[in-house]
All heavy atoms as atom14 arrays in JSON, in Angstrom:
{
  "sequence": "EWAERGESLLPPNTIPVRMSVESSGRRIEIEGLSA",
  "atom14_mask": [
    [1, 1, 1, 1, 1, 1, 1, 1, 1, 0, 0, 0, 0, 0],
    [1, 1, 1, 1, 1, 1, 1, 1, 1, 1, 1, 1, 1, 1],
    [1, 1, 1, 1, 1, 0, 0, 0, 0, 0, 0, 0, 0, 0],
    [1, 1, 1, 1, 1, 1, 1, 1, 1, 0, 0, 0, 0, 0],
    [1, 1, 1, 1, 1, 1, 1, 1, 1, 1, 1, 0, 0, 0],
    [1, 1, 1, 1, 0, 0, 0, 0, 0, 0, 0, 0, 0, 0],
    [1, 1, 1, 1, 1, 1, 1, 1, 1, 0, 0, 0, 0, 0],
    [1, 1, 1, 1, 1, 1, 0, 0, 0, 0, 0, 0, 0, 0],
    [1, 1, 1, 1, 1, 1, 1, 1, 0, 0, 0, 0, 0, 0],
    [1, 1, 1, 1, 1, 1, 1, 1, 0, 0, 0, 0, 0, 0],
    [1, 1, 1, 1, 1, 1, 1, 0, 0, 0, 0, 0, 0, 0],
    [1, 1, 1, 1, 1, 1, 1, 0, 0, 0, 0, 0, 0, 0],
    [1, 1, 1, 1, 1, 1, 1, 1, 0, 0, 0, 0, 0, 0],
    [1, 1, 1, 1, 1, 1, 1, 0, 0, 0, 0, 0, 0, 0],
    [1, 1, 1, 1, 1, 1, 1, 1, 0, 0, 0, 0, 0, 0],
    [1, 1, 1, 1, 1, 1, 1, 0, 0, 0, 0, 0, 0, 0],
    [1, 1, 1, 1, 1, 1, 1, 0, 0, 0, 0, 0, 0, 0],
    [1, 1, 1, 1, 1, 1, 1, 1, 1, 1, 1, 0, 0, 0],
    [1, 1, 1, 1, 1, 1, 1, 1, 0, 0, 0, 0, 0, 0],
    [1, 1, 1, 1, 1, 1, 0, 0, 0, 0, 0, 0, 0, 0],
    [1, 1, 1, 1, 1, 1, 1, 0, 0, 0, 0, 0, 0, 0],
    [1, 1, 1, 1, 1, 1, 1, 1, 1, 0, 0, 0, 0, 0],
    [1, 1, 1, 1, 1, 1, 0, 0, 0, 0, 0, 0, 0, 0],
    [1, 1, 1, 1, 1, 1, 0, 0, 0, 0, 0, 0, 0, 0],
    [1, 1, 1, 1, 0, 0, 0, 0, 0, 0, 0, 0, 0, 0],
    [1, 1, 1, 1, 1, 1, 1, 1, 1, 1, 1, 0, 0, 0],
    [1, 1, 1, 1, 1, 1, 1, 1, 1, 1, 1, 0, 0, 0],
    [1, 1, 1, 1, 1, 1, 1, 1, 0, 0, 0, 0, 0, 0],
    [1, 1, 1, 1, 1, 1, 1, 1, 1, 0, 0, 0, 0, 0],
    [1, 1, 1, 1, 1, 1, 1, 1, 0, 0, 0, 0, 0, 0],
    [1, 1, 1, 1, 1, 1, 1, 1, 1, 0, 0, 0, 0, 0],
    [1, 1, 1, 1, 0, 0, 0, 0, 0, 0, 0, 0, 0, 0],
    [1, 1, 1, 1, 1, 1, 1, 1, 0, 0, 0, 0, 0, 0],
    [1, 1, 1, 1, 1, 1, 0, 0, 0, 0, 0, 0, 0, 0],
    [1, 1, 1, 1, 1, 0, 0, 0, 0, 0, 0, 0, 0, 0]
  ],
  "atom14_positions": [
    [[57.74, -130.29, -144.91], [57.16, -129.24, -145.79], [55.99, -129.71, -146.41], [55.85, -130.9, -146.86], [58.34, -128.92, -146.88], [57.92, -127.78, -147.73], [59.03, -127.34, -148.68], [60.04, -128.1, -148.88], [58.93, -126.31, -149.34], [0.0, 0.0, 0.0], [0.0, 0.0, 0.0], [0.0, 0.0, 0.0], [0.0, 0.0, 0.0], [0.0, 0.0, 0.0]],
    [[55.0, -128.98, -146.58], [53.69, -129.27, -147.15], [52.98, -130.38, -146.36], [52.38, -131.29, -146.86], [53.82, -129.7, -148.63], [54.42, -128.71, -149.51], [55.82, -128.72, -149.93], [53.91, -127.52, -150.09], [56.06, -127.64, -150.73], [54.86, -126.88, -150.8], [52.65, -126.91, -149.95], [54.66, -125.63, -151.47], [52.42, -125.67, -150.62], [53.46, -125.09, -151.27]],
    [[53.07, -130.27, -145.1], [52.54, -131.25, -144.11], [50.97, -131.41, -144.26], [50.45, -132.49, -144.09], [52.83, -131.0, -142.7], [0.0, 0.0, 0.0], [0.0, 0.0, 0.0], [0.0, 0.0, 0.0], [0.0, 0.0, 0.0], [0.0, 0.0, 0.0], [0.0, 0.0, 0.0], [0.0, 0.0, 0.0], [0.0, 0.0, 0.0], [0.0, 0.0, 0.0]],
    [[50.32, -130.38, -144.79], [48.89, -130.41, -144.87], [48.43, -131.5, -145.87], [47.36, -131.99, -145.83], [48.2, -129.07, -145.26], [48.67, -128.53, -146.58], [49.91, -127.74, -146.55], [50.62, -127.61, -145.52], [50.29, -127.22, -147.61], [0.0, 0.0, 0.0], [0.0, 0.0, 0.0], [0.0, 0.0, 0.0], [0.0, 0.0, 0.0], [0.0, 0.0, 0.0]],
    [[49.3, -131.95, -146.75], [49.04, -132.92, -147.74], [48.83, -134.41, -147.05], [48.21, -135.22, -147.69], [50.08, -132.98, -148.76], [50.08, -131.77, -149.66], [51.11, -131.82, -150.74], [51.05, -130.64, -151.56], [51.77, -130.48, -152.62], [52.65, -131.49, -152.99], [51.77, -129.38, -153.37], [0.0, 0.0, 0.0], [0.0, 0.0, 0.0], [0.0, 0.0, 0.0]],
    [[49.39, -134.52, -145.9], [49.31, -135.8, -145.19], [48.87, -135.61, -143.82], [49.25, -136.36, -142.89], [0.0, 0.0, 0.0], [0.0, 0.0, 0.0], [0.0, 0.0, 0.0], [0.0, 0.0, 0.0], [0.0, 0.0, 0.0], [0.0, 0.0, 0.0], [0.0, 0.0, 0.0], [0.0, 0.0, 0.0], [0.0, 0.0, 0.0], [0.0, 0.0, 0.0]],
    [[48.12, -134.6, -143.56], [47.71, -134.09, -142.24], [47.03, -135.3, -141.38], [47.15, -135.42, -140.2], [46.76, -132.89, -142.34], [46.62, -132.21, -140.99], [46.06, -130.78, -141.22], [45.66, -130.43, -142.31], [45.9, -130.14, -140.19], [0.0, 0.0, 0.0], [0.0, 0.0, 0.0], [0.0, 0.0, 0.0], [0.0, 0.0, 0.0], [0.0, 0.0, 0.0]],
    [[46.24, -136.09, -142.09], [45.64, -137.24, -141.31], [46.54, -138.17, -140.78], [46.21, -139.01, -139.91], [44.67, -137.92, -142.31], [45.29, -138.56, -143.36], [0.0, 0.0, 0.0], [0.0, 0.0, 0.0], [0.0, 0.0, 0.0], [0.0, 0.0, 0.0], [0.0, 0.0, 0.0], [0.0, 0.0, 0.0], [0.0, 0.0, 0.0], [0.0, 0.0, 0.0]],
    [[47.8, -138.22, -141.22], [48.83, -139.17, -140.68], [49.67, -138.59, -139.53], [50.33, -139.33, -138.92], [49.8, -139.59, -141.85], [49.18, -140.26, -143.1], [50.21, -140.51, -144.11], [48.6, -141.61, -142.62], [0.0, 0.0, 0.0], [0.0, 0.0, 0.0], [0.0, 0.0, 0.0], [0.0, 0.0, 0.0], [0.0, 0.0, 0.0], [0.0, 0.0, 0.0]],
    [[49.53, -137.32, -139.25], [50.33, -136.68, -138.19], [49.86, -137.08, -136.88], [48.71, -137.16, -136.64], [50.32, -135.15, -138.44], [50.77, -134.61, -139.77], [50.67, -133.14, -139.83], [52.24, -135.12, -139.98], [0.0, 0.0, 0.0], [0.0, 0.0, 0.0], [0.0, 0.0, 0.0], [0.0, 0.0, 0.0], [0.0, 0.0, 0.0], [0.0, 0.0, 0.0]],
    [[50.82, -137.24, -135.94], [50.42, -137.64, -134.59], [49.76, -136.53, -133.83], [49.85, -135.32, -134.24], [51.81, -137.98, -133.94], [52.76, -137.3, -134.77], [52.23, -137.09, -136.09], [0.0, 0.0, 0.0], [0.0, 0.0, 0.0], [0.0, 0.0, 0.0], [0.0, 0.0, 0.0], [0.0, 0.0, 0.0], [0.0, 0.0, 0.0], [0.0, 0.0, 0.0]],
    [[49.07, -136.77, -132.65], [48.32, -135.84, -131.97], [49.2, -134.76, -131.3], [48.69, -133.64, -131.1], [47.61, -136.59, -130.91], [47.97, -138.0, -131.04], [48.87, -138.17, -132.19], [0.0, 0.0, 0.0], [0.0, 0.0, 0.0], [0.0, 0.0, 0.0], [0.0, 0.0, 0.0], [0.0, 0.0, 0.0], [0.0, 0.0, 0.0], [0.0, 0.0, 0.0]],
    [[50.47, -134.98, -131.06], [51.34, -134.04, -130.53], [52.02, -133.15, -131.58], [53.09, -132.55, -131.21], [52.31, -134.63, -129.52], [53.23, -135.64, -130.15], [53.04, -136.01, -131.33], [54.27, -136.1, -129.44], [0.0, 0.0, 0.0], [0.0, 0.0, 0.0], [0.0, 0.0, 0.0], [0.0, 0.0, 0.0], [0.0, 0.0, 0.0], [0.0, 0.0, 0.0]],
    [[51.56, -133.12, -132.71], [52.06, -132.25, -133.78], [52.0, -130.77, -133.38], [50.92, -130.36, -132.87], [51.4, -132.51, -135.18], [51.59, -133.84, -135.44], [51.84, -131.58, -136.23], [0.0, 0.0, 0.0], [0.0, 0.0, 0.0], [0.0, 0.0, 0.0], [0.0, 0.0, 0.0], [0.0, 0.0, 0.0], [0.0, 0.0, 0.0], [0.0, 0.0, 0.0]],
    [[53.08, -130.03, -133.61], [53.01, -128.58, -133.42], [53.16, -127.94, -134.85], [54.23, -127.96, -135.35], [54.31, -128.14, -132.54], [54.24, -128.89, -131.16], [54.23, -126.6, -132.34], [55.39, -128.65, -130.35], [0.0, 0.0, 0.0], [0.0, 0.0, 0.0], [0.0, 0.0, 0.0], [0.0, 0.0, 0.0], [0.0, 0.0, 0.0], [0.0, 0.0, 0.0]],
    [[51.98, -127.46, -135.3], [52.04, -126.84, -136.63], [52.86, -125.5, -136.58], [52.66, -124.6, -135.8], [50.61, -126.45, -136.94], [49.9, -127.42, -136.07], [50.68, -127.54, -134.84], [0.0, 0.0, 0.0], [0.0, 0.0, 0.0], [0.0, 0.0, 0.0], [0.0, 0.0, 0.0], [0.0, 0.0, 0.0], [0.0, 0.0, 0.0], [0.0, 0.0, 0.0]],
    [[53.79, -125.33, -137.56], [54.57, -124.05, -137.67], [54.32, -123.68, -139.15], [54.6, -124.44, -140.09], [56.0, -124.35, -137.4], [56.87, -123.01, -137.73], [56.27, -124.81, -135.99], [0.0, 0.0, 0.0], [0.0, 0.0, 0.0], [0.0, 0.0, 0.0], [0.0, 0.0, 0.0], [0.0, 0.0, 0.0], [0.0, 0.0, 0.0], [0.0, 0.0, 0.0]],
    [[53.81, -122.52, -139.32], [53.54, -121.98, -140.67], [54.43, -120.75, -140.92], [54.48, -119.9, -140.14], [52.03, -121.62, -140.84], [51.19, -122.8, -140.86], [49.69, -122.51, -140.95], [48.93, -123.65, -141.07], [48.65, -124.51, -140.02], [49.01, -124.18, -138.88], [47.94, -125.58, -140.2], [0.0, 0.0, 0.0], [0.0, 0.0, 0.0], [0.0, 0.0, 0.0]],
    [[55.11, -120.74, -142.08], [56.0, -119.65, -142.42], [55.5, -119.02, -143.7], [55.07, -119.77, -144.65], [57.4, -120.16, -142.57], [57.96, -120.64, -141.32], [59.66, -121.26, -141.39], [59.35, -122.96, -141.9], [0.0, 0.0, 0.0], [0.0, 0.0, 0.0], [0.0, 0.0, 0.0], [0.0, 0.0, 0.0], [0.0, 0.0, 0.0], [0.0, 0.0, 0.0]],
    [[55.49, -117.68, -143.82], [55.04, -117.0, -144.96], [55.93, -115.78, -145.14], [56.51, -115.21, -144.21], [53.57, -116.63, -144.97], [53.38, -115.85, -143.81], [0.0, 0.0, 0.0], [0.0, 0.0, 0.0], [0.0, 0.0, 0.0], [0.0, 0.0, 0.0], [0.0, 0.0, 0.0], [0.0, 0.0, 0.0], [0.0, 0.0, 0.0], [0.0, 0.0, 0.0]],
    [[55.97, -115.32, -146.41], [56.7, -114.03, -146.71], [55.63, -112.98, -146.88], [54.67, -113.14, -147.47], [57.43, -114.25, -148.05], [58.16, -112.97, -148.44], [58.48, -115.34, -147.98], [0.0, 0.0, 0.0], [0.0, 0.0, 0.0], [0.0, 0.0, 0.0], [0.0, 0.0, 0.0], [0.0, 0.0, 0.0], [0.0, 0.0, 0.0], [0.0, 0.0, 0.0]],
    [[55.97, -111.83, -146.21], [55.04, -110.67, -146.18], [55.98, -109.55, -146.75], [57.16, -109.59, -146.77], [54.48, -110.42, -144.83], [53.63, -111.45, -144.39], [52.89, -111.04, -143.03], [53.09, -110.0, -142.52], [52.04, -111.85, -142.62], [0.0, 0.0, 0.0], [0.0, 0.0, 0.0], [0.0, 0.0, 0.0], [0.0, 0.0, 0.0], [0.0, 0.0, 0.0]],
    [[55.26, -108.48, -147.14], [56.0, -107.28, -147.73], [57.08, -106.83, -146.85], [58.14, -106.37, -147.31], [54.96, -106.29, -148.14], [54.35, -105.77, -146.98], [0.0, 0.0, 0.0], [0.0, 0.0, 0.0], [0.0, 0.0, 0.0], [0.0, 0.0, 0.0], [0.0, 0.0, 0.0], [0.0, 0.0, 0.0], [0.0, 0.0, 0.0], [0.0, 0.0, 0.0]],
    [[56.89, -106.77, -145.53], [57.84, -106.26, -144.64], [58.87, -107.25, -144.04], [59.72, -107.03, -143.3], [57.18, -105.61, -143.48], [56.39, -106.55, -142.75], [0.0, 0.0, 0.0], [0.0, 0.0, 0.0], [0.0, 0.0, 0.0], [0.0, 0.0, 0.0], [0.0, 0.0, 0.0], [0.0, 0.0, 0.0], [0.0, 0.0, 0.0], [0.0, 0.0, 0.0]],
    [[58.82, -108.55, -144.46], [59.67, -109.66, -144.09], [58.94, -110.94, -144.05], [58.19, -111.3, -144.99], [0.0, 0.0, 0.0], [0.0, 0.0, 0.0], [0.0, 0.0, 0.0], [0.0, 0.0, 0.0], [0.0, 0.0, 0.0], [0.0, 0.0, 0.0], [0.0, 0.0, 0.0], [0.0, 0.0, 0.0], [0.0, 0.0, 0.0], [0.0, 0.0, 0.0]],
    [[59.24, -111.69, -143.04], [58.57, -113.05, -142.9], [57.75, -113.18, -141.66], [57.93, -112.45, -140.72], [59.7, -114.08, -142.89], [60.43, -114.16, -144.13], [61.55, -115.15, -144.1], [62.16, -115.5, -145.37], [62.89, -114.62, -146.08], [63.17, -113.46, -145.59], [63.39, -114.94, -147.23], [0.0, 0.0, 0.0], [0.0, 0.0, 0.0], [0.0, 0.0, 0.0]],
    [[56.79, -114.08, -141.71], [55.82, -114.35, -140.55], [56.0, -115.76, -140.26], [55.91, -116.67, -141.03], [54.49, -113.96, -140.96], [53.38, -114.14, -139.95], [52.1, -113.86, -140.49], [51.06, -114.08, -139.51], [50.57, -113.1, -138.69], [50.93, -111.86, -138.84], [49.61, -113.4, -137.75], [0.0, 0.0, 0.0], [0.0, 0.0, 0.0], [0.0, 0.0, 0.0]],
    [[56.11, -116.05, -138.96], [56.15, -117.42, -138.43], [54.92, -117.53, -137.42], [54.85, -116.79, -136.54], [57.49, -117.79, -137.8], [58.55, -117.59, -138.83], [57.39, -119.15, -137.21], [59.95, -117.76, -138.25], [0.0, 0.0, 0.0], [0.0, 0.0, 0.0], [0.0, 0.0, 0.0], [0.0, 0.0, 0.0], [0.0, 0.0, 0.0], [0.0, 0.0, 0.0]],
    [[54.13, -118.48, -137.64], [53.03, -118.87, -136.7], [53.23, -120.18, -136.15], [53.35, -121.13, -136.86], [51.7, -118.76, -137.51], [51.34, -117.44, -138.1], [50.0, -117.48, -138.84], [49.02, -117.85, -138.24], [50.07, -117.1, -140.06], [0.0, 0.0, 0.0], [0.0, 0.0, 0.0], [0.0, 0.0, 0.0], [0.0, 0.0, 0.0], [0.0, 0.0, 0.0]],
    [[53.17, -120.32, -134.78], [53.3, -121.57, -134.09], [52.03, -121.79, -133.32], [51.73, -120.97, -132.47], [54.55, -121.6, -133.14], [55.8, -121.25, -133.99], [54.65, -122.94, -132.51], [57.04, -121.04, -133.16], [0.0, 0.0, 0.0], [0.0, 0.0, 0.0], [0.0, 0.0, 0.0], [0.0, 0.0, 0.0], [0.0, 0.0, 0.0], [0.0, 0.0, 0.0]],
    [[51.31, -122.9, -133.57], [50.04, -123.21, -132.93], [50.37, -123.93, -131.64], [51.43, -124.64, -131.5], [49.15, -124.06, -133.72], [48.58, -123.28, -134.96], [47.6, -124.16, -135.7], [47.09, -125.21, -135.13], [47.41, -123.88, -136.86], [0.0, 0.0, 0.0], [0.0, 0.0, 0.0], [0.0, 0.0, 0.0], [0.0, 0.0, 0.0], [0.0, 0.0, 0.0]],
    [[49.48, -123.84, -130.66], [49.58, -124.57, -129.47], [49.43, -126.13, -129.66], [49.01, -126.59, -130.72], [0.0, 0.0, 0.0], [0.0, 0.0, 0.0], [0.0, 0.0, 0.0], [0.0, 0.0, 0.0], [0.0, 0.0, 0.0], [0.0, 0.0, 0.0], [0.0, 0.0, 0.0], [0.0, 0.0, 0.0], [0.0, 0.0, 0.0], [0.0, 0.0, 0.0]],
    [[49.67, -126.9, -128.65], [49.72, -128.29, -128.76], [48.18, -128.74, -128.63], [47.38, -128.19, -127.87], [50.44, -128.93, -127.62], [51.95, -128.77, -127.63], [52.56, -129.29, -126.43], [52.56, -129.43, -128.9], [0.0, 0.0, 0.0], [0.0, 0.0, 0.0], [0.0, 0.0, 0.0], [0.0, 0.0, 0.0], [0.0, 0.0, 0.0], [0.0, 0.0, 0.0]],
    [[47.88, -129.9, -129.32], [46.52, -130.4, -129.21], [46.5, -131.38, -128.07], [45.45, -131.81, -127.66], [46.15, -131.08, -130.51], [47.08, -132.09, -130.84], [0.0, 0.0, 0.0], [0.0, 0.0, 0.0], [0.0, 0.0, 0.0], [0.0, 0.0, 0.0], [0.0, 0.0, 0.0], [0.0, 0.0, 0.0], [0.0, 0.0, 0.0], [0.0, 0.0, 0.0]],
    [[47.6, -131.86, -127.68], [47.8, -132.76, -126.55], [49.06, -132.49, -125.83], [50.05, -132.06, -126.43], [47.78, -134.26, -127.02], [0.0, 0.0, 0.0], [0.0, 0.0, 0.0], [0.0, 0.0, 0.0], [0.0, 0.0, 0.0], [0.0, 0.0, 0.0], [0.0, 0.0, 0.0], [0.0, 0.0, 0.0], [0.0, 0.0, 0.0], [0.0, 0.0, 0.0]]
  ]
}
């Protein structure tokens, strides 16, 4: 949780997953792999 605070320490195969609450429910975003 709050991985952006230590982003420089994350390995290259990190898969960012962002979750947020929207008025109609929740949103989940999964980015592609960097390696």
